[in-house]
Protein backbone atom coordinates (compact mmCIF):
# COMPACT_ATOMS: atom_id res chain seq x y z
CA MET A 1 83.70 108.60 107.74
CA PHE A 2 83.78 104.75 107.58
CA TRP A 3 87.60 104.72 104.88
CA PRO A 4 89.03 107.28 107.20
CA PHE A 5 88.13 105.37 111.03
CA CYS A 6 89.98 102.22 109.02
CA LEU A 7 92.78 104.31 108.15
CA SER A 8 93.27 105.54 111.44
CA PHE A 9 93.07 101.85 113.15
CA LEU A 10 94.92 100.35 110.50
CA PHE A 11 97.58 102.99 110.96
CA ALA A 12 97.06 102.36 115.01
CA SER A 13 97.70 98.84 114.65
CA LEU A 14 101.10 99.47 112.61
CA LEU A 15 102.09 101.42 115.07
CA ALA A 16 101.57 99.14 117.82
CA LEU A 17 102.97 96.43 116.77
CA SER A 18 106.13 98.23 116.00
CA ALA A 19 106.31 99.32 119.64
CA PHE A 20 105.65 95.62 120.80
CA ALA A 21 108.77 94.32 118.75
CA ILE A 22 111.08 96.66 120.86
CA HIS A 23 109.66 95.02 124.12
CA LEU A 24 109.86 91.99 122.31
CA ASP A 25 113.31 92.55 121.80
CA VAL A 26 114.03 93.77 125.31
CA ARG A 27 113.02 90.50 126.39
CA ILE A 28 114.37 88.31 124.40
CA PHE A 29 117.70 89.68 123.22
CA GLN A 30 118.90 91.70 126.77
CA ASN A 31 121.54 93.59 126.13
CA ASP A 32 122.82 92.17 122.91
CA MET A 33 120.70 94.04 119.96
CA GLY A 34 122.11 92.55 116.39
CA GLU A 35 121.07 91.88 113.15
CA ALA A 36 119.41 88.85 114.50
CA SER A 37 117.02 91.50 116.84
CA ILE A 38 113.39 91.83 115.87
CA ILE A 39 113.34 95.55 115.17
CA GLU A 40 115.84 94.88 112.69
CA VAL A 41 114.04 92.47 111.20
CA GLY A 42 110.96 94.57 111.19
CA GLN A 43 113.03 97.83 109.81
CA GLU A 44 114.18 95.48 106.78
CA ALA A 45 110.58 93.69 106.64
CA TYR A 46 108.76 97.31 106.27
CA LEU A 47 111.44 98.39 103.92
CA LEU A 48 111.20 95.71 101.37
CA ILE A 49 107.65 95.94 101.33
CA ALA A 50 107.42 99.27 100.16
CA VAL A 51 109.65 98.48 97.38
CA ILE A 52 107.76 95.81 96.36
CA LEU A 53 104.96 98.00 96.73
CA PHE A 54 106.20 100.74 94.16
CA GLY A 55 107.69 97.75 91.66
CA LEU A 56 104.64 96.39 91.07
CA VAL A 57 103.41 99.89 90.44
CA ALA A 58 106.15 100.25 88.09
CA ILE A 59 105.20 96.89 86.27
CA LYS A 60 101.56 97.56 86.20
CA ASP A 61 101.02 101.31 85.64
CA GLU A 62 102.87 102.53 82.82
CA SER A 63 101.72 106.33 82.93
CA GLN A 64 103.50 106.48 86.28
CA ARG A 65 106.90 103.61 85.58
CA GLY A 66 109.50 106.92 85.95
CA PHE A 67 107.65 108.13 89.02
CA ALA A 68 107.31 104.51 90.60
CA VAL A 69 110.64 103.05 89.87
CA LEU A 70 112.56 106.29 90.73
CA VAL A 71 110.88 105.69 94.52
CA THR A 72 111.23 102.10 94.37
CA GLY A 73 115.17 102.82 93.75
CA PHE A 74 115.54 105.01 96.72
CA PHE A 75 113.74 102.39 98.95
CA ALA A 76 115.59 99.86 97.70
CA THR A 77 118.88 101.81 98.16
CA ILE A 78 118.06 101.98 101.74
CA PHE A 79 117.10 98.64 102.00
CA ILE A 80 120.75 97.82 100.81
CA ARG A 81 122.34 100.10 103.23
CA GLU A 82 120.20 98.57 106.40
CA MET A 83 121.40 94.99 104.96
CA ASP A 84 124.69 95.89 105.31
CA GLY A 85 125.50 93.63 108.67
CA ILE A 86 125.19 90.79 106.25
CA LEU A 87 126.55 92.16 103.23
CA ASP A 88 129.81 92.71 105.00
CA ALA A 89 130.34 89.19 105.63
CA ILE A 90 131.02 89.10 102.15
CA ARG A 91 133.38 91.92 101.91
CA HIS A 92 133.58 95.07 104.52
CA GLY A 93 131.75 97.67 102.43
CA ILE A 94 130.37 96.03 99.63
CA TRP A 95 126.74 96.86 100.18
CA LYS A 96 128.23 100.26 98.50
CA TYR A 97 128.64 98.69 95.12
CA PRO A 98 124.88 97.63 94.59
CA ALA A 99 123.51 100.76 96.18
CA TRP A 100 125.21 102.74 93.70
CA LEU A 101 123.53 100.56 90.85
CA VAL A 102 120.31 100.54 91.97
CA SER A 103 120.27 104.69 92.47
CA VAL A 104 122.31 104.99 89.48
CA SER A 105 120.34 103.06 87.28
CA ALA A 106 116.72 103.91 88.87
CA ILE A 107 117.83 107.98 88.21
CA GLY A 108 118.95 107.46 84.75
CA TYR A 109 115.63 105.56 84.36
CA SER A 110 113.57 108.37 85.22
CA ILE A 111 115.67 110.44 83.49
CA PHE A 112 115.21 108.94 80.49
CA HIS A 113 111.09 108.67 81.00
CA LEU A 114 110.60 112.16 82.34
CA LYS A 115 106.83 111.98 80.69
CA THR A 116 106.03 109.47 83.53
CA THR A 117 108.02 110.97 86.00
CA THR A 118 107.24 114.51 86.49
CA GLN A 119 103.85 114.78 86.44
CA PRO A 120 103.25 111.59 88.34
CA LEU A 121 105.47 112.90 91.04
CA VAL A 122 103.80 116.45 90.98
CA ARG A 123 100.64 115.13 91.78
CA PHE A 124 102.07 112.55 94.53
CA THR A 125 103.06 115.49 96.38
CA SER A 126 99.31 116.68 96.62
CA THR A 127 98.26 113.05 98.34
CA PRO A 128 98.40 112.92 101.84
CA ALA A 129 100.54 109.83 101.68
CA PHE A 130 103.21 112.25 100.45
CA GLY A 131 103.49 113.90 103.42
CA MET A 132 103.92 110.93 105.53
CA ILE A 133 106.53 109.46 103.56
CA VAL A 134 108.67 112.39 103.55
CA GLY A 135 108.00 112.41 107.36
CA GLY A 136 109.38 109.44 107.63
CA VAL A 137 112.18 109.48 105.68
CA PHE A 138 113.17 113.00 107.64
CA THR A 139 112.97 110.80 110.76
CA LEU A 140 115.07 108.41 109.74
CA LEU A 141 117.74 110.44 108.26
CA VAL A 142 117.38 113.52 109.85
CA PHE A 143 116.33 112.91 113.51
CA SER A 144 117.51 109.52 114.50
CA ARG A 145 121.05 110.24 113.40
CA ILE A 146 120.30 113.13 115.90
CA TYR A 147 119.01 111.63 118.51
CA GLY A 148 121.47 108.86 118.29
CA MET A 149 124.98 110.97 119.09
CA ASN A 150 127.39 109.52 121.38
CA ILE A 151 127.13 113.38 122.74
CA LEU A 152 124.03 112.89 123.98
CA TRP A 153 123.89 109.64 125.65
CA GLN A 154 127.29 110.13 127.09
CA ALA A 155 125.71 113.17 128.92
CA ALA A 156 121.91 111.02 129.90
CA MET A 157 123.91 107.97 131.28
CA GLY A 158 126.70 109.72 133.26
CA GLU A 159 129.78 107.71 133.24
CA HIS A 160 129.34 104.82 136.04
CA LEU A 161 126.83 103.18 133.86
CA ASP A 162 128.62 99.58 132.42
CA PRO A 163 129.45 100.56 128.60
CA ALA A 164 127.87 97.59 127.32
CA ILE A 165 124.88 98.64 129.02
CA LYS A 166 124.77 101.73 127.44
CA ALA A 167 125.61 100.52 124.05
CA TYR A 168 122.38 98.48 124.39
CA ILE A 169 119.98 101.35 125.45
CA LYS A 170 121.44 103.66 122.76
CA THR A 171 121.57 101.25 119.90
CA MET A 172 117.26 100.01 121.41
CA ALA A 173 116.60 103.90 121.16
CA GLU A 174 118.05 104.46 117.64
CA GLU A 175 116.88 101.66 116.10
CA GLY A 176 113.29 102.28 117.99
CA VAL A 177 113.01 105.65 116.37
CA GLU A 178 114.53 103.85 112.59
CA LEU A 179 111.17 101.58 113.00
CA LEU A 180 108.85 104.24 113.48
CA ALA A 181 110.30 105.60 110.50
CA TYR A 182 109.78 103.02 108.71
CA SER A 183 106.47 102.21 109.78
CA LEU A 184 105.67 106.07 108.60
CA ILE A 185 107.10 104.83 105.11
CA LEU A 186 105.42 101.86 104.60
CA PHE A 187 101.92 103.01 105.95
CA ALA A 188 102.10 105.80 103.12
CA SER A 189 103.52 103.53 100.44
CA ALA A 190 100.44 100.99 101.09
CA TRP A 191 98.03 104.16 101.09
CA TYR A 192 99.50 105.38 98.03
CA THR A 193 100.27 102.51 95.98
CA LEU A 194 97.53 99.86 96.62
CA PRO A 195 94.82 102.17 95.24
CA CYS A 196 97.02 101.94 91.97
CA LEU A 197 97.46 98.53 92.07
CA PHE A 198 93.76 98.17 92.45
CA LYS A 199 91.83 100.59 90.48
CA ARG A 200 90.12 99.50 87.40
CA ARG A 201 91.06 100.31 84.13
């Protein structure tokens, strides 16, 4: 009884922290939500932690190394994509090259180590964390993209609002949804990986 209550409290606290970050952004970065905004930094931090957690599982637990490498590569690829604003300062679109390298390497490793990939993956799909990660990924890749479509925001805000204000509101809403998605991914990643990292052998 105590453990589910703790999990619920931690999850609620993470969501509250994410919502509070949006409030801070509105107050600090009024009408200018760029790469240095609290929401953007929060997204990248949440995702980086998820990458590190699964990466540690890959290092520590040989029995599920292929699976952990595959998930690490997936989240690392998304992380690199999120860093495109910084990487574009080097060269526009350069993020694609490290993203391809990481994704191909992770997939290649998991294919050549199927025993430590398929069985742990099947076991992972039966855990509660799997459902939450899938929900987070679909929120990120499906809902936020449809929610952020210009046609919706043009219809919602009309033609008389200042274009800069329109862009800011749209960005805040879309990035806020993405932060929610990353909150789900972070919590589910910790939920699954921490017991793996601290279990006694």
